[in-house]
Each structure stands twice: as structure tokens, then as C-alpha cells.
C-alpha atoms as a PDB file:
ATOM      1  CA  MET A   1      14.391  91.178  16.137  1.00  0.00           C
ATOM      2  CA  LYS A   2      15.991  93.233  18.908  1.00  0.00           C
ATOM      3  CA  ARG A   3      17.291  95.788  16.383  1.00  0.00           C
ATOM      4  CA  HIS A   4      13.816  96.119  14.869  1.00  0.00           C
ATOM      5  CA  PHE A   5      12.302  96.711  18.312  1.00  0.00           C
ATOM      6  CA  PHE A   6      14.782  99.440  19.273  1.00  0.00           C
ATOM      7  CA  THR A   7      14.538 101.116  15.864  1.00  0.00           C
ATOM      8  CA  GLN A   8      10.763 101.151  16.143  1.00  0.00           C
ATOM      9  CA  GLU A   9      10.922 102.564  19.698  1.00  0.00           C
ATOM     10  CA  ARG A  10      13.381 105.290  18.649  1.00  0.00           C
ATOM     11  CA  ASN A  11      11.189 106.251  15.703  1.00  0.00           C
ATOM     12  CA  GLN A  12       8.099 106.455  17.923  1.00  0.00           C
ATOM     13  CA  LEU A  13       9.913 108.668  20.439  1.00  0.00           C
ATOM     14  CA  ILE A  14      11.145 110.971  17.678  1.00  0.00           C
ATOM     15  CA  GLN A  15       7.679 111.186  16.166  1.00  0.00           C
ATOM     16  CA  ALA A  16       6.139 111.984  19.552  1.00  0.00           C
ATOM     17  CA  PHE A  17       8.748 114.685  20.185  1.00  0.00           C
ATOM     18  CA  ALA A  18       8.185 116.194  16.731  1.00  0.00           C
ATOM     19  CA  ASN A  19       4.433 116.257  17.337  1.00  0.00           C
ATOM     20  CA  GLU A  20       4.774 117.768  20.806  1.00  0.00           C
ATOM     21  CA  TRP A  21       7.275 120.489  19.856  1.00  0.00           C
ATOM     22  CA  PHE A  22       6.199 121.059  16.217  1.00  0.00           C
ATOM     23  CA  ALA A  23       9.672 120.354  14.851  1.00  0.00           C
ATOM     24  CA  SER A  24      10.827 118.466  11.771  1.00  0.00           C
ATOM     25  CA  GLU A  25      10.894 114.719  12.258  1.00  0.00           C
ATOM     26  CA  GLU A  26      13.590 114.436   9.578  1.00  0.00           C
ATOM     27  CA  GLU A  27      15.902 116.871  11.382  1.00  0.00           C
ATOM     28  CA  LEU A  28      15.323 115.037  14.659  1.00  0.00           C
ATOM     29  CA  GLN A  29      16.134 111.710  12.971  1.00  0.00           C
ATOM     30  CA  SER A  30      19.359 113.216  11.644  1.00  0.00           C
ATOM     31  CA  SER A  31      20.270 114.512  15.091  1.00  0.00           C
ATOM     32  CA  ALA A  32      19.557 111.150  16.718  1.00  0.00           C
ATOM     33  CA  MET A  33      21.627 109.264  14.151  1.00  0.00           C
ATOM     34  CA  GLN A  34      24.662 111.519  14.649  1.00  0.00           C
ATOM     35  CA  TYR A  35      24.499 111.627  18.448  1.00  0.00           C
ATOM     36  CA  MET A  36      26.911 109.641  20.590  1.00  0.00           C
ATOM     37  CA  ILE A  37      26.594 109.396  24.388  1.00  0.00           C
ATOM     38  CA  GLY A  38      28.068 112.440  26.116  1.00  0.00           C
ATOM     39  CA  MET A  39      28.321 114.491  22.932  1.00  0.00           C
ATOM     40  CA  ASP A  40      28.157 118.252  23.368  1.00  0.00           C
ATOM     41  CA  PRO A  41      26.798 120.142  21.514  1.00  0.00           C
ATOM     42  CA  ILE A  42      23.916 118.023  20.249  1.00  0.00           C
ATOM     43  CA  PRO A  43      24.386 117.344  16.528  1.00  0.00           C
ATOM     44  CA  ASN A  44      22.044 119.086  14.086  1.00  0.00           C
ATOM     45  CA  MET A  45      20.415 121.135  16.863  1.00  0.00           C
ATOM     46  CA  GLY A  46      20.520 124.298  14.766  1.00  0.00           C
ATOM     47  CA  ALA A  47      18.527 122.650  11.984  1.00  0.00           C
ATOM     48  CA  VAL A  48      16.066 121.197  14.502  1.00  0.00           C
ATOM     49  CA  ILE A  49      15.479 124.642  15.989  1.00  0.00           C
ATOM     50  CA  GLU A  50      15.141 126.192  12.520  1.00  0.00           C
ATOM     51  CA  SER A  51      12.479 123.610  11.650  1.00  0.00           C
ATOM     52  CA  LYS A  52      10.232 124.626  14.561  1.00  0.00           C
ATOM     53  CA  ASN A  53       6.739 125.978  14.035  1.00  0.00           C
ATOM     54  CA  TYR A  54       6.228 128.430  16.868  1.00  0.00           C
ATOM     55  CA  GLU A  55       2.772 129.556  15.775  1.00  0.00           C
ATOM     56  CA  GLU A  56       1.333 126.026  15.947  1.00  0.00           C
ATOM     57  CA  TYR A  57       3.073 125.358  19.255  1.00  0.00           C
ATOM     58  CA  ARG A  58       1.771 128.632  20.687  1.00  0.00           C
ATOM     59  CA  SER A  59      -1.800 127.772  19.708  1.00  0.00           C
ATOM     60  CA  ILE A  60      -1.626 124.924  22.244  1.00  0.00           C
ATOM     61  CA  HIS A  61       0.781 126.590  24.722  1.00  0.00           C
ATOM     62  CA  PRO A  62      -0.112 130.310  24.716  1.00  0.00           C
ATOM     63  CA  GLU A  63       2.116 131.002  27.739  1.00  0.00           C
ATOM     64  CA  MET A  64       5.321 130.104  25.829  1.00  0.00           C
ATOM     65  CA  LYS A  65       7.378 133.120  24.775  1.00  0.00           C
ATOM     66  CA  PRO A  66       9.141 133.056  21.368  1.00  0.00           C
ATOM     67  CA  PHE A  67      12.643 133.263  22.875  1.00  0.00           C
ATOM     68  CA  LYS A  68      12.028 130.557  25.469  1.00  0.00           C
ATOM     69  CA  TYR A  69      10.525 128.087  23.003  1.00  0.00           C
ATOM     70  CA  PRO A  70      13.778 127.025  21.270  1.00  0.00           C
ATOM     71  CA  GLN A  71      15.606 126.858  24.607  1.00  0.00           C
ATOM     72  CA  ALA A  72      12.916 124.634  26.100  1.00  0.00           C
ATOM     73  CA  MET A  73      12.910 122.425  23.009  1.00  0.00           C
ATOM     74  CA  LYS A  74      16.685 122.063  23.162  1.00  0.00           C
ATOM     75  CA  ARG A  75      16.556 121.092  26.851  1.00  0.00           C
ATOM     76  CA  ALA A  76      13.823 118.546  26.148  1.00  0.00           C
ATOM     77  CA  TRP A  77      15.710 117.031  23.233  1.00  0.00           C
END
């Protein structure tokens, strides 16, 4: 029961992040599964950044510059 709860919470957080940053949920799942506390660099970050959809993100956040977008997403992740 506890495992189900935490899995569900993790999936909801990943989905919310993917929706907010217009990134691939699958790539975020992969990154989350590979990550261990204190790990640097973040696993699969390159694929997460490659999966971004800047045009959709910019339609909601017109102030975001194309070079700052991946950096901000990486910091948030």
C-alpha cells in the first residue's frame, strides 16, 4: 500500500512537471528511475532537454528566452 502511494505521488509530480515545462514524461520517468540521492549530473538530463517543446512553453511564458529555457528546466528538475 505504501509503495503504491509513493509510486502514484511520483507519477503525479512527473506528469505535472512535464505539463508545466512541455517535456517528455517518458524521459522524465527514465531520469527519475535512474537518479540516486546526491547524484551529479542528473541522469538522462540530455534526453529530457531534447524532448522539450519551446514553442508551446513560450506561448504561455513569452518572456522566456530560448537559451534560458533548458537551464531553467534543468534547475527545476
